[in-house]
PDB file of all heavy atoms in Angstrom:
ATOM      1  N   VAL A   1     142.569 220.914 -17.772  1.00  0.00           N
ATOM      2  CA  VAL A   1     143.088 219.826 -16.981  1.00  0.00           C
ATOM      3  C   VAL A   1     144.324 219.274 -17.645  1.00  0.00           C
ATOM      4  O   VAL A   1     144.545 219.478 -18.818  1.00  0.00           O
ATOM      5  CB  VAL A   1     142.023 218.721 -16.815  1.00  0.00           C
ATOM      6  CG1 VAL A   1     140.816 219.235 -16.079  1.00  0.00           C
ATOM      7  CG2 VAL A   1     141.630 218.143 -18.180  1.00  0.00           C
ATOM      8  N   PRO A   2     145.204 218.568 -16.913  1.00  0.00           N
ATOM      9  CA  PRO A   2     146.396 217.966 -17.530  1.00  0.00           C
ATOM     10  C   PRO A   2     146.002 217.001 -18.633  1.00  0.00           C
ATOM     11  O   PRO A   2     144.981 216.319 -18.562  1.00  0.00           O
ATOM     12  CB  PRO A   2     147.059 217.202 -16.355  1.00  0.00           C
ATOM     13  CG  PRO A   2     146.562 217.913 -15.145  1.00  0.00           C
ATOM     14  CD  PRO A   2     145.160 218.365 -15.482  1.00  0.00           C
ATOM     15  N   PRO A   3     146.798 216.908 -19.713  1.00  0.00           N
ATOM     16  CA  PRO A   3     146.444 216.030 -20.833  1.00  0.00           C
ATOM     17  C   PRO A   3     146.273 214.579 -20.418  1.00  0.00           C
ATOM     18  O   PRO A   3     145.458 213.880 -21.004  1.00  0.00           O
ATOM     19  CB  PRO A   3     147.649 216.197 -21.772  1.00  0.00           C
ATOM     20  CG  PRO A   3     148.258 217.521 -21.404  1.00  0.00           C
ATOM     21  CD  PRO A   3     147.993 217.697 -19.951  1.00  0.00           C
ATOM     22  N   GLN A   4     146.995 214.134 -19.384  1.00  0.00           N
ATOM     23  CA  GLN A   4     146.877 212.736 -19.000  1.00  0.00           C
ATOM     24  C   GLN A   4     145.517 212.408 -18.402  1.00  0.00           C
ATOM     25  O   GLN A   4     145.131 211.271 -18.288  1.00  0.00           O
ATOM     26  CB  GLN A   4     147.960 212.401 -17.943  1.00  0.00           C
ATOM     27  CG  GLN A   4     149.388 212.385 -18.513  1.00  0.00           C
ATOM     28  CD  GLN A   4     149.954 213.753 -18.607  1.00  0.00           C
ATOM     29  OE1 GLN A   4     149.284 214.730 -18.269  1.00  0.00           O
ATOM     30  NE2 GLN A   4     151.210 213.838 -19.013  1.00  0.00           N
ATOM     31  N   ARG A   5     144.774 213.464 -17.984  1.00  0.00           N
ATOM     32  CA  ARG A   5     143.481 213.204 -17.358  1.00  0.00           C
ATOM     33  C   ARG A   5     142.304 213.712 -18.236  1.00  0.00           C
ATOM     34  O   ARG A   5     141.168 213.713 -17.806  1.00  0.00           O
ATOM     35  CB  ARG A   5     143.391 213.952 -16.017  1.00  0.00           C
ATOM     36  CG  ARG A   5     144.531 213.575 -15.063  1.00  0.00           C
ATOM     37  CD  ARG A   5     144.375 212.175 -14.562  1.00  0.00           C
ATOM     38  NE  ARG A   5     145.440 211.816 -13.687  1.00  0.00           N
ATOM     39  CZ  ARG A   5     146.519 211.126 -14.081  1.00  0.00           C
ATOM     40  NH1 ARG A   5     146.641 210.771 -15.357  1.00  0.00           N
ATOM     41  NH2 ARG A   5     147.474 210.862 -13.234  1.00  0.00           N
ATOM     42  N   ARG A   6     142.626 214.106 -19.464  1.00  0.00           N
ATOM     43  CA  ARG A   6     141.587 214.742 -20.282  1.00  0.00           C
ATOM     44  C   ARG A   6     140.450 213.764 -20.625  1.00  0.00           C
ATOM     45  O   ARG A   6     139.286 214.087 -20.571  1.00  0.00           O
ATOM     46  CB  ARG A   6     142.183 215.258 -21.565  1.00  0.00           C
ATOM     47  CG  ARG A   6     141.241 216.001 -22.442  1.00  0.00           C
ATOM     48  CD  ARG A   6     141.908 216.572 -23.692  1.00  0.00           C
ATOM     49  NE  ARG A   6     142.531 215.548 -24.462  1.00  0.00           N
ATOM     50  CZ  ARG A   6     143.839 215.373 -24.567  1.00  0.00           C
ATOM     51  NH1 ARG A   6     144.674 216.162 -23.893  1.00  0.00           N
ATOM     52  NH2 ARG A   6     144.378 214.421 -25.293  1.00  0.00           N
ATOM     53  N   ASP A   7     140.840 212.501 -20.972  1.00  0.00           N
ATOM     54  CA  ASP A   7     139.819 211.548 -21.338  1.00  0.00           C
ATOM     55  C   ASP A   7     138.904 211.226 -20.150  1.00  0.00           C
ATOM     56  O   ASP A   7     137.697 211.061 -20.338  1.00  0.00           O
ATOM     57  CB  ASP A   7     140.482 210.257 -21.850  1.00  0.00           C
ATOM     58  CG  ASP A   7     141.256 210.514 -23.133  1.00  0.00           C
ATOM     59  OD1 ASP A   7     140.943 211.486 -23.820  1.00  0.00           O
ATOM     60  OD2 ASP A   7     142.179 209.715 -23.415  1.00  0.00           O
ATOM     61  N   GLU A   8     139.465 211.149 -18.966  1.00  0.00           N
ATOM     62  CA  GLU A   8     138.631 210.884 -17.798  1.00  0.00           C
ATOM     63  C   GLU A   8     137.698 212.040 -17.488  1.00  0.00           C
ATOM     64  O   GLU A   8     136.535 211.848 -17.147  1.00  0.00           O
ATOM     65  CB  GLU A   8     139.534 210.605 -16.594  1.00  0.00           C
ATOM     66  CG  GLU A   8     140.413 209.380 -16.757  1.00  0.00           C
ATOM     67  CD  GLU A   8     141.360 209.208 -15.595  1.00  0.00           C
ATOM     68  OE1 GLU A   8     141.241 210.007 -14.645  1.00  0.00           O
ATOM     69  OE2 GLU A   8     142.197 208.307 -15.656  1.00  0.00           O
ATOM     70  N   SER A   9     138.220 213.253 -17.683  1.00  0.00           N
ATOM     71  CA  SER A   9     137.395 214.421 -17.393  1.00  0.00           C
ATOM     72  C   SER A   9     136.221 214.533 -18.372  1.00  0.00           C
ATOM     73  O   SER A   9     135.161 215.012 -18.027  1.00  0.00           O
ATOM     74  CB  SER A   9     138.270 215.694 -17.454  1.00  0.00           C
ATOM     75  OG  SER A   9     139.277 215.640 -16.486  1.00  0.00           O
ATOM     76  N   ALA A  10     136.483 214.083 -19.618  1.00  0.00           N
ATOM     77  CA  ALA A  10     135.451 214.196 -20.598  1.00  0.00           C
ATOM     78  C   ALA A  10     134.280 213.249 -20.295  1.00  0.00           C
ATOM     79  O   ALA A  10     133.154 213.502 -20.639  1.00  0.00           O
ATOM     80  CB  ALA A  10     136.009 213.849 -21.974  1.00  0.00           C
ATOM     81  N   ARG A  11     134.619 212.127 -19.616  1.00  0.00           N
ATOM     82  CA  ARG A  11     133.551 211.148 -19.323  1.00  0.00           C
ATOM     83  C   ARG A  11     132.801 211.433 -18.049  1.00  0.00           C
ATOM     84  O   ARG A  11     131.697 210.974 -17.869  1.00  0.00           O
ATOM     85  CB  ARG A  11     134.182 209.755 -19.265  1.00  0.00           C
ATOM     86  CG  ARG A  11     134.704 209.217 -20.596  1.00  0.00           C
ATOM     87  CD  ARG A  11     135.025 207.749 -20.480  1.00  0.00           C
ATOM     88  NE  ARG A  11     136.100 207.527 -19.524  1.00  0.00           N
ATOM     89  CZ  ARG A  11     137.374 207.432 -19.890  1.00  0.00           C
ATOM     90  NH1 ARG A  11     137.714 207.579 -21.130  1.00  0.00           N
ATOM     91  NH2 ARG A  11     138.288 207.200 -18.979  1.00  0.00           N
ATOM     92  N   ASN A  12     133.434 212.179 -17.164  1.00  0.00           N
ATOM     93  CA  ASN A  12     132.828 212.407 -15.868  1.00  0.00           C
ATOM     94  C   ASN A  12     132.434 213.862 -15.711  1.00  0.00           C
ATOM     95  O   ASN A  12     132.923 214.739 -16.393  1.00  0.00           O
ATOM     96  CB  ASN A  12     133.836 212.053 -14.756  1.00  0.00           C
ATOM     97  CG  ASN A  12     134.242 210.604 -14.860  1.00  0.00           C
ATOM     98  OD1 ASN A  12     133.441 209.749 -15.206  1.00  0.00           O
ATOM     99  ND2 ASN A  12     135.507 210.303 -14.538  1.00  0.00           N
ATOM    100  N   ASP A  13     131.545 214.089 -14.725  1.00  0.00           N
ATOM    101  CA  ASP A  13     131.198 215.466 -14.373  1.00  0.00           C
ATOM    102  C   ASP A  13     132.373 216.134 -13.717  1.00  0.00           C
ATOM    103  O   ASP A  13     133.251 215.500 -13.144  1.00  0.00           O
ATOM    104  CB  ASP A  13     129.988 215.484 -13.438  1.00  0.00           C
ATOM    105  CG  ASP A  13     128.742 215.018 -14.147  1.00  0.00           C
ATOM    106  OD1 ASP A  13     128.685 215.127 -15.383  1.00  0.00           O
ATOM    107  OD2 ASP A  13     127.820 214.542 -13.431  1.00  0.00           O
ATOM    108  N   THR A  14     132.333 217.445 -13.704  1.00  0.00           N
ATOM    109  CA  THR A  14     133.389 218.207 -13.032  1.00  0.00           C
ATOM    110  C   THR A  14     133.251 218.079 -11.534  1.00  0.00           C
ATOM    111  O   THR A  14     132.140 217.860 -11.012  1.00  0.00           O
ATOM    112  CB  THR A  14     133.316 219.690 -13.407  1.00  0.00           C
ATOM    113  OG1 THR A  14     132.040 220.209 -12.955  1.00  0.00           O
ATOM    114  CG2 THR A  14     133.425 219.867 -14.904  1.00  0.00           C
ATOM    115  N   PRO A  15     134.368 218.183 -10.765  1.00  0.00           N
ATOM    116  CA  PRO A  15     134.275 218.079  -9.303  1.00  0.00           C
ATOM    117  C   PRO A  15     133.348 219.122  -8.697  1.00  0.00           C
ATOM    118  O   PRO A  15     132.660 218.868  -7.721  1.00  0.00           O
ATOM    119  CB  PRO A  15     135.715 218.277  -8.853  1.00  0.00           C
ATOM    120  CG  PRO A  15     136.552 217.862 -10.037  1.00  0.00           C
ATOM    121  CD  PRO A  15     135.742 218.281 -11.230  1.00  0.00           C
ATOM    122  N   GLN A  16     133.343 220.338  -9.292  1.00  0.00           N
ATOM    123  CA  GLN A  16     132.495 221.404  -8.741  1.00  0.00           C
ATOM    124  C   GLN A  16     131.021 221.021  -8.804  1.00  0.00           C
ATOM    125  O   GLN A  16     130.269 221.258  -7.885  1.00  0.00           O
ATOM    126  CB  GLN A  16     132.731 222.712  -9.481  1.00  0.00           C
ATOM    127  CG  GLN A  16     134.112 223.296  -9.250  1.00  0.00           C
ATOM    128  CD  GLN A  16     135.176 222.694 -10.185  1.00  0.00           C
ATOM    129  OE1 GLN A  16     134.895 221.725 -10.859  1.00  0.00           O
ATOM    130  NE2 GLN A  16     136.350 223.288 -10.143  1.00  0.00           N
ATOM    131  N   ARG A  17     130.661 220.429  -9.952  1.00  0.00           N
ATOM    132  CA  ARG A  17     129.258 220.051 -10.102  1.00  0.00           C
ATOM    133  C   ARG A  17     128.910 218.936  -9.116  1.00  0.00           C
ATOM    134  O   ARG A  17     127.845 218.910  -8.503  1.00  0.00           O
ATOM    135  CB  ARG A  17     129.012 219.572 -11.533  1.00  0.00           C
ATOM    136  CG  ARG A  17     129.069 220.709 -12.573  1.00  0.00           C
ATOM    137  CD  ARG A  17     128.775 220.189 -13.943  1.00  0.00           C
ATOM    138  NE  ARG A  17     128.802 221.261 -14.926  1.00  0.00           N
ATOM    139  CZ  ARG A  17     128.657 221.048 -16.259  1.00  0.00           C
ATOM    140  NH1 ARG A  17     128.459 219.834 -16.719  1.00  0.00           N
ATOM    141  NH2 ARG A  17     128.714 222.061 -17.086  1.00  0.00           N
ATOM    142  N   LYS A  18     129.872 217.999  -8.939  1.00  0.00           N
ATOM    143  CA  LYS A  18     129.609 216.913  -8.012  1.00  0.00           C
ATOM    144  C   LYS A  18     129.483 217.456  -6.585  1.00  0.00           C
ATOM    145  O   LYS A  18     128.608 217.031  -5.823  1.00  0.00           O
ATOM    146  CB  LYS A  18     130.746 215.879  -8.083  1.00  0.00           C
ATOM    147  CG  LYS A  18     130.709 215.066  -9.376  1.00  0.00           C
ATOM    148  CD  LYS A  18     131.801 214.008  -9.322  1.00  0.00           C
ATOM    149  CE  LYS A  18     131.707 213.097 -10.527  1.00  0.00           C
ATOM    150  NZ  LYS A  18     132.745 212.068 -10.539  1.00  0.00           N
ATOM    151  N   ASP A  19     130.350 218.361  -6.210  1.00  0.00           N
ATOM    152  CA  ASP A  19     130.308 218.938  -4.860  1.00  0.00           C
ATOM    153  C   ASP A  19     129.011 219.664  -4.630  1.00  0.00           C
ATOM    154  O   ASP A  19     128.402 219.596  -3.557  1.00  0.00           O
ATOM    155  CB  ASP A  19     131.506 219.860  -4.648  1.00  0.00           C
ATOM    156  CG  ASP A  19     132.823 219.086  -4.586  1.00  0.00           C
ATOM    157  OD1 ASP A  19     132.747 217.844  -4.410  1.00  0.00           O
ATOM    158  OD2 ASP A  19     133.880 219.735  -4.792  1.00  0.00           O
ATOM    159  N   ALA A  20     128.598 220.436  -5.644  1.00  0.00           N
ATOM    160  CA  ALA A  20     127.346 221.190  -5.514  1.00  0.00           C
ATOM    161  C   ALA A  20     126.166 220.242  -5.337  1.00  0.00           C
ATOM    162  O   ALA A  20     125.259 220.497  -4.531  1.00  0.00           O
ATOM    163  CB  ALA A  20     127.149 222.113  -6.720  1.00  0.00           C
ATOM    164  N   ALA A  21     126.207 219.152  -6.115  1.00  0.00           N
ATOM    165  CA  ALA A  21     125.114 218.204  -6.014  1.00  0.00           C
ATOM    166  C   ALA A  21     125.105 217.538  -4.641  1.00  0.00           C
ATOM    167  O   ALA A  21     124.063 217.341  -4.020  1.00  0.00           O
ATOM    168  CB  ALA A  21     125.237 217.107  -7.115  1.00  0.00           C
ATOM    169  N   ASN A  22     126.322 217.233  -4.154  1.00  0.00           N
ATOM    170  CA  ASN A  22     126.382 216.618  -2.837  1.00  0.00           C
ATOM    171  C   ASN A  22     125.930 217.594  -1.754  1.00  0.00           C
ATOM    172  O   ASN A  22     125.258 217.198  -0.784  1.00  0.00           O
ATOM    173  CB  ASN A  22     127.826 216.182  -2.538  1.00  0.00           C
ATOM    174  CG  ASN A  22     128.245 215.041  -3.407  1.00  0.00           C
ATOM    175  OD1 ASN A  22     127.429 214.285  -3.888  1.00  0.00           O
ATOM    176  ND2 ASN A  22     129.575 214.890  -3.625  1.00  0.00           N
ATOM    177  N   ASP A  23     126.294 218.910  -1.891  1.00  0.00           N
ATOM    178  CA  ASP A  23     125.866 219.896  -0.898  1.00  0.00           C
ATOM    179  C   ASP A  23     124.351 220.022  -0.874  1.00  0.00           C
ATOM    180  O   ASP A  23     123.728 220.129   0.172  1.00  0.00           O
ATOM    181  CB  ASP A  23     126.503 221.264  -1.224  1.00  0.00           C
ATOM    182  CG  ASP A  23     127.993 221.250  -0.975  1.00  0.00           C
ATOM    183  OD1 ASP A  23     128.475 220.347  -0.284  1.00  0.00           O
ATOM    184  OD2 ASP A  23     128.684 222.162  -1.487  1.00  0.00           O
ATOM    185  N   GLN A  24     123.770 220.028  -2.091  1.00  0.00           N
ATOM    186  CA  GLN A  24     122.313 220.135  -2.152  1.00  0.00           C
ATOM    187  C   GLN A  24     121.661 218.899  -1.514  1.00  0.00           C
ATOM    188  O   GLN A  24     120.675 219.020  -0.785  1.00  0.00           O
ATOM    189  CB  GLN A  24     121.846 220.268  -3.612  1.00  0.00           C
ATOM    190  CG  GLN A  24     122.244 221.595  -4.231  1.00  0.00           C
ATOM    191  CD  GLN A  24     121.799 221.681  -5.674  1.00  0.00           C
ATOM    192  OE1 GLN A  24     121.264 220.725  -6.204  1.00  0.00           O
ATOM    193  NE2 GLN A  24     122.058 222.790  -6.321  1.00  0.00           N
ATOM    194  N   ALA A  25     122.238 217.737  -1.778  1.00  0.00           N
ATOM    195  CA  ALA A  25     121.684 216.510  -1.193  1.00  0.00           C
ATOM    196  C   ALA A  25     121.808 216.529   0.324  1.00  0.00           C
ATOM    197  O   ALA A  25     120.880 216.151   1.038  1.00  0.00           O
ATOM    198  CB  ALA A  25     122.399 215.295  -1.758  1.00  0.00           C
ATOM    199  N   ASP A  26     122.998 216.957   0.821  1.00  0.00           N
ATOM    200  CA  ASP A  26     123.168 217.054   2.287  1.00  0.00           C
ATOM    201  C   ASP A  26     122.209 218.052   2.900  1.00  0.00           C
ATOM    202  O   ASP A  26     121.671 217.799   3.967  1.00  0.00           O
ATOM    203  CB  ASP A  26     124.605 217.446   2.603  1.00  0.00           C
ATOM    204  CG  ASP A  26     125.608 216.359   2.193  1.00  0.00           C
ATOM    205  OD1 ASP A  26     125.147 215.204   2.025  1.00  0.00           O
ATOM    206  OD2 ASP A  26     126.804 216.691   2.062  1.00  0.00           O
ATOM    207  N   SER A  27     121.996 219.169   2.197  1.00  0.00           N
ATOM    208  CA  SER A  27     121.097 220.186   2.750  1.00  0.00           C
ATOM    209  C   SER A  27     119.657 219.645   2.820  1.00  0.00           C
ATOM    210  O   SER A  27     118.954 219.851   3.785  1.00  0.00           O
ATOM    211  CB  SER A  27     121.156 221.458   1.862  1.00  0.00           C
ATOM    212  OG  SER A  27     120.211 222.403   2.334  1.00  0.00           O
ATOM    213  N   GLY A  28     119.270 218.951   1.744  1.00  0.00           N
ATOM    214  CA  GLY A  28     117.920 218.380   1.740  1.00  0.00           C
ATOM    215  C   GLY A  28     117.757 217.325   2.823  1.00  0.00           C
ATOM    216  O   GLY A  28     116.732 217.251   3.500  1.00  0.00           O
ATOM    217  N   ASN A  29     118.811 216.508   2.981  1.00  0.00           N
ATOM    218  CA  ASN A  29     118.720 215.462   4.009  1.00  0.00           C
ATOM    219  C   ASN A  29     118.668 216.061   5.411  1.00  0.00           C
ATOM    220  O   ASN A  29     117.990 215.581   6.289  1.00  0.00           O
ATOM    221  CB  ASN A  29     119.942 214.554   3.915  1.00  0.00           C
ATOM    222  CG  ASN A  29     119.929 213.728   2.637  1.00  0.00           C
ATOM    223  OD1 ASN A  29     118.880 213.499   2.061  1.00  0.00           O
ATOM    224  ND2 ASN A  29     121.124 213.293   2.202  1.00  0.00           N
ATOM    225  N   SER A  30     119.407 217.191   5.601  1.00  0.00           N
ATOM    226  CA  SER A  30     119.392 217.844   6.917  1.00  0.00           C
ATOM    227  C   SER A  30     118.007 218.417   7.240  1.00  0.00           C
ATOM    228  O   SER A  30     117.523 218.286   8.353  1.00  0.00           O
ATOM    229  CB  SER A  30     120.452 218.955   6.936  1.00  0.00           C
ATOM    230  OG  SER A  30     120.432 219.619   8.161  1.00  0.00           O
ATOM    231  N   LYS A  31     117.374 219.028   6.258  1.00  0.00           N
ATOM    232  CA  LYS A  31     116.035 219.577   6.493  1.00  0.00           C
ATOM    233  C   LYS A  31     115.049 218.476   6.796  1.00  0.00           C
ATOM    234  O   LYS A  31     114.250 218.558   7.722  1.00  0.00           O
ATOM    235  CB  LYS A  31     115.587 220.371   5.253  1.00  0.00           C
ATOM    236  CG  LYS A  31     116.369 221.661   5.025  1.00  0.00           C
ATOM    237  CD  LYS A  31     115.852 222.382   3.791  1.00  0.00           C
ATOM    238  CE  LYS A  31     116.589 223.693   3.571  1.00  0.00           C
ATOM    239  NZ  LYS A  31     116.109 224.397   2.335  1.00  0.00           N
ATOM    240  N   ASN A  32     115.121 217.376   6.000  1.00  0.00           N
ATOM    241  CA  ASN A  32     114.205 216.278   6.230  1.00  0.00           C
ATOM    242  C   ASN A  32     114.431 215.656   7.593  1.00  0.00           C
ATOM    243  O   ASN A  32     113.498 215.249   8.291  1.00  0.00           O
ATOM    244  CB  ASN A  32     114.377 215.195   5.150  1.00  0.00           C
ATOM    245  CG  ASN A  32     113.989 215.717   3.775  1.00  0.00           C
ATOM    246  OD1 ASN A  32     113.157 216.638   3.687  1.00  0.00           O
ATOM    247  ND2 ASN A  32     114.527 215.126   2.709  1.00  0.00           N
ATOM    248  N   SER A  33     115.749 215.587   7.988  1.00  0.00           N
ATOM    249  CA  SER A  33     116.060 215.012   9.309  1.00  0.00           C
ATOM    250  C   SER A  33     115.473 215.886  10.415  1.00  0.00           C
ATOM    251  O   SER A  33     114.940 215.383  11.405  1.00  0.00           O
ATOM    252  CB  SER A  33     117.565 214.867   9.464  1.00  0.00           C
ATOM    253  OG  SER A  33     117.879 214.374  10.757  1.00  0.00           O
ATOM    254  N   GLY A  34     115.567 217.231  10.283  1.00  0.00           N
ATOM    255  CA  GLY A  34     115.040 218.121  11.309  1.00  0.00           C
ATOM    256  C   GLY A  34     113.540 218.014  11.423  1.00  0.00           C
ATOM    257  O   GLY A  34     112.975 218.007  12.534  1.00  0.00           O
ATOM    258  N   GLN A  35     112.863 217.943  10.273  1.00  0.00           N
ATOM    259  CA  GLN A  35     111.406 217.793  10.317  1.00  0.00           C
ATOM    260  C   GLN A  35     110.984 216.479  10.934  1.00  0.00           C
ATOM    261  O   GLN A  35     110.019 216.407  11.711  1.00  0.00           O
ATOM    262  CB  GLN A  35     110.866 217.899   8.877  1.00  0.00           C
ATOM    263  CG  GLN A  35     111.037 219.290   8.279  1.00  0.00           C
ATOM    264  CD  GLN A  35     110.604 219.317   6.811  1.00  0.00           C
ATOM    265  OE1 GLN A  35     110.237 218.270   6.261  1.00  0.00           O
ATOM    266  NE2 GLN A  35     110.639 220.483   6.172  1.00  0.00           N
ATOM    267  N   GLN A  36     111.789 215.422  10.655  1.00  0.00           N
ATOM    268  CA  GLN A  36     111.447 214.125  11.227  1.00  0.00           C
ATOM    269  C   GLN A  36     111.607 214.105  12.716  1.00  0.00           C
ATOM    270  O   GLN A  36     110.818 213.529  13.462  1.00  0.00           O
ATOM    271  CB  GLN A  36     112.328 213.051  10.578  1.00  0.00           C
ATOM    272  CG  GLN A  36     112.027 211.627  11.016  1.00  0.00           C
ATOM    273  CD  GLN A  36     110.614 211.206  10.590  1.00  0.00           C
ATOM    274  OE1 GLN A  36     110.157 211.577   9.520  1.00  0.00           O
ATOM    275  NE2 GLN A  36     109.938 210.445  11.420  1.00  0.00           N
ATOM    276  N   ASP A  37     112.729 214.774  13.205  1.00  0.00           N
ATOM    277  CA  ASP A  37     112.957 214.839  14.650  1.00  0.00           C
ATOM    278  C   ASP A  37     111.843 215.575  15.366  1.00  0.00           C
ATOM    279  O   ASP A  37     111.386 215.205  16.458  1.00  0.00           O
ATOM    280  CB  ASP A  37     114.315 215.517  14.930  1.00  0.00           C
ATOM    281  CG  ASP A  37     115.465 214.664  14.496  1.00  0.00           C
ATOM    282  OD1 ASP A  37     115.278 213.457  14.322  1.00  0.00           O
ATOM    283  OD2 ASP A  37     116.571 215.222  14.337  1.00  0.00           O
ATOM    284  N   GLN A  38     111.404 216.701  14.733  1.00  0.00           N
ATOM    285  CA  GLN A  38     110.307 217.464  15.375  1.00  0.00           C
ATOM    286  C   GLN A  38     109.043 216.636  15.404  1.00  0.00           C
ATOM    287  O   GLN A  38     108.291 216.658  16.398  1.00  0.00           O
ATOM    288  CB  GLN A  38     110.106 218.756  14.579  1.00  0.00           C
ATOM    289  CG  GLN A  38     109.054 219.689  15.185  1.00  0.00           C
ATOM    290  CD  GLN A  38     108.921 220.975  14.400  1.00  0.00           C
ATOM    291  OE1 GLN A  38     109.549 221.155  13.388  1.00  0.00           O
ATOM    292  NE2 GLN A  38     108.059 221.833  14.860  1.00  0.00           N
ATOM    293  N   GLN A  39     108.748 215.922  14.329  1.00  0.00           N
ATOM    294  CA  GLN A  39     107.557 215.097  14.297  1.00  0.00           C
ATOM    295  C   GLN A  39     107.627 213.991  15.359  1.00  0.00           C
ATOM    296  O   GLN A  39     106.655 213.668  16.023  1.00  0.00           O
ATOM    297  CB  GLN A  39     107.405 214.464  12.910  1.00  0.00           C
ATOM    298  CG  GLN A  39     106.119 213.644  12.718  1.00  0.00           C
ATOM    299  CD  GLN A  39     104.887 214.550  12.756  1.00  0.00           C
ATOM    300  OE1 GLN A  39     104.963 215.742  12.398  1.00  0.00           O
ATOM    301  NE2 GLN A  39     103.754 214.016  13.180  1.00  0.00           N
ATOM    302  N   ASP A  40     108.899 213.431  15.516  1.00  0.00           N
ATOM    303  CA  ASP A  40     109.048 212.360  16.512  1.00  0.00           C
ATOM    304  C   ASP A  40     108.813 212.885  17.914  1.00  0.00           C
ATOM    305  O   ASP A  40     108.230 212.184  18.778  1.00  0.00           O
ATOM    306  CB  ASP A  40     110.429 211.740  16.386  1.00  0.00           C
ATOM    307  CG  ASP A  40     110.612 210.969  15.108  1.00  0.00           C
ATOM    308  OD1 ASP A  40     109.577 210.605  14.521  1.00  0.00           O
ATOM    309  OD2 ASP A  40     111.774 210.745  14.723  1.00  0.00           O
ATOM    310  N   GLN A  41     109.269 214.104  18.206  1.00  0.00           N
ATOM    311  CA  GLN A  41     109.091 214.680  19.518  1.00  0.00           C
ATOM    312  C   GLN A  41     107.609 214.937  19.842  1.00  0.00           C
ATOM    313  O   GLN A  41     107.151 214.708  20.941  1.00  0.00           O
ATOM    314  CB  GLN A  41     109.853 216.013  19.635  1.00  0.00           C
ATOM    315  CG  GLN A  41     111.354 215.837  19.670  1.00  0.00           C
ATOM    316  CD  GLN A  41     112.083 217.188  19.766  1.00  0.00           C
ATOM    317  OE1 GLN A  41     111.418 218.229  19.851  1.00  0.00           O
ATOM    318  NE2 GLN A  41     113.396 217.152  19.747  1.00  0.00           N
ATOM    319  N   GLN A  42     106.856 215.321  18.826  1.00  0.00           N
ATOM    320  CA  GLN A  42     105.434 215.568  19.045  1.00  0.00           C
ATOM    321  C   GLN A  42     104.680 214.241  19.297  1.00  0.00           C
ATOM    322  O   GLN A  42     103.735 214.188  20.054  1.00  0.00           O
ATOM    323  CB  GLN A  42     104.838 216.291  17.842  1.00  0.00           C
ATOM    324  CG  GLN A  42     105.373 217.716  17.676  1.00  0.00           C
ATOM    325  CD  GLN A  42     104.823 218.396  16.440  1.00  0.00           C
ATOM    326  OE1 GLN A  42     104.106 217.777  15.649  1.00  0.00           O
ATOM    327  NE2 GLN A  42     105.146 219.672  16.252  1.00  0.00           N
ATOM    328  N   ASN A  43     105.175 213.203  18.612  1.00  0.00           N
ATOM    329  CA  ASN A  43     104.477 211.922  18.728  1.00  0.00           C
ATOM    330  C   ASN A  43     104.891 211.119  19.959  1.00  0.00           C
ATOM    331  O   ASN A  43     104.225 210.214  20.389  1.00  0.00           O
ATOM    332  CB  ASN A  43     104.713 211.070  17.473  1.00  0.00           C
ATOM    333  CG  ASN A  43     104.081 211.702  16.232  1.00  0.00           C
ATOM    334  OD1 ASN A  43     103.149 212.486  16.369  1.00  0.00           O
ATOM    335  ND2 ASN A  43     104.591 211.385  15.038  1.00  0.00           N
TER     336      ASN A  43
END
């Protein structure tokens, strides 16, 4: 990374890791949302 941003990068996670974590969270939320909709339709 550019030297001007090195200290910030050292303190934070990398963007790739953050994106992957967000993708996993979105995927989990989507599955839970689908299961909830199906349960609501049955009820």
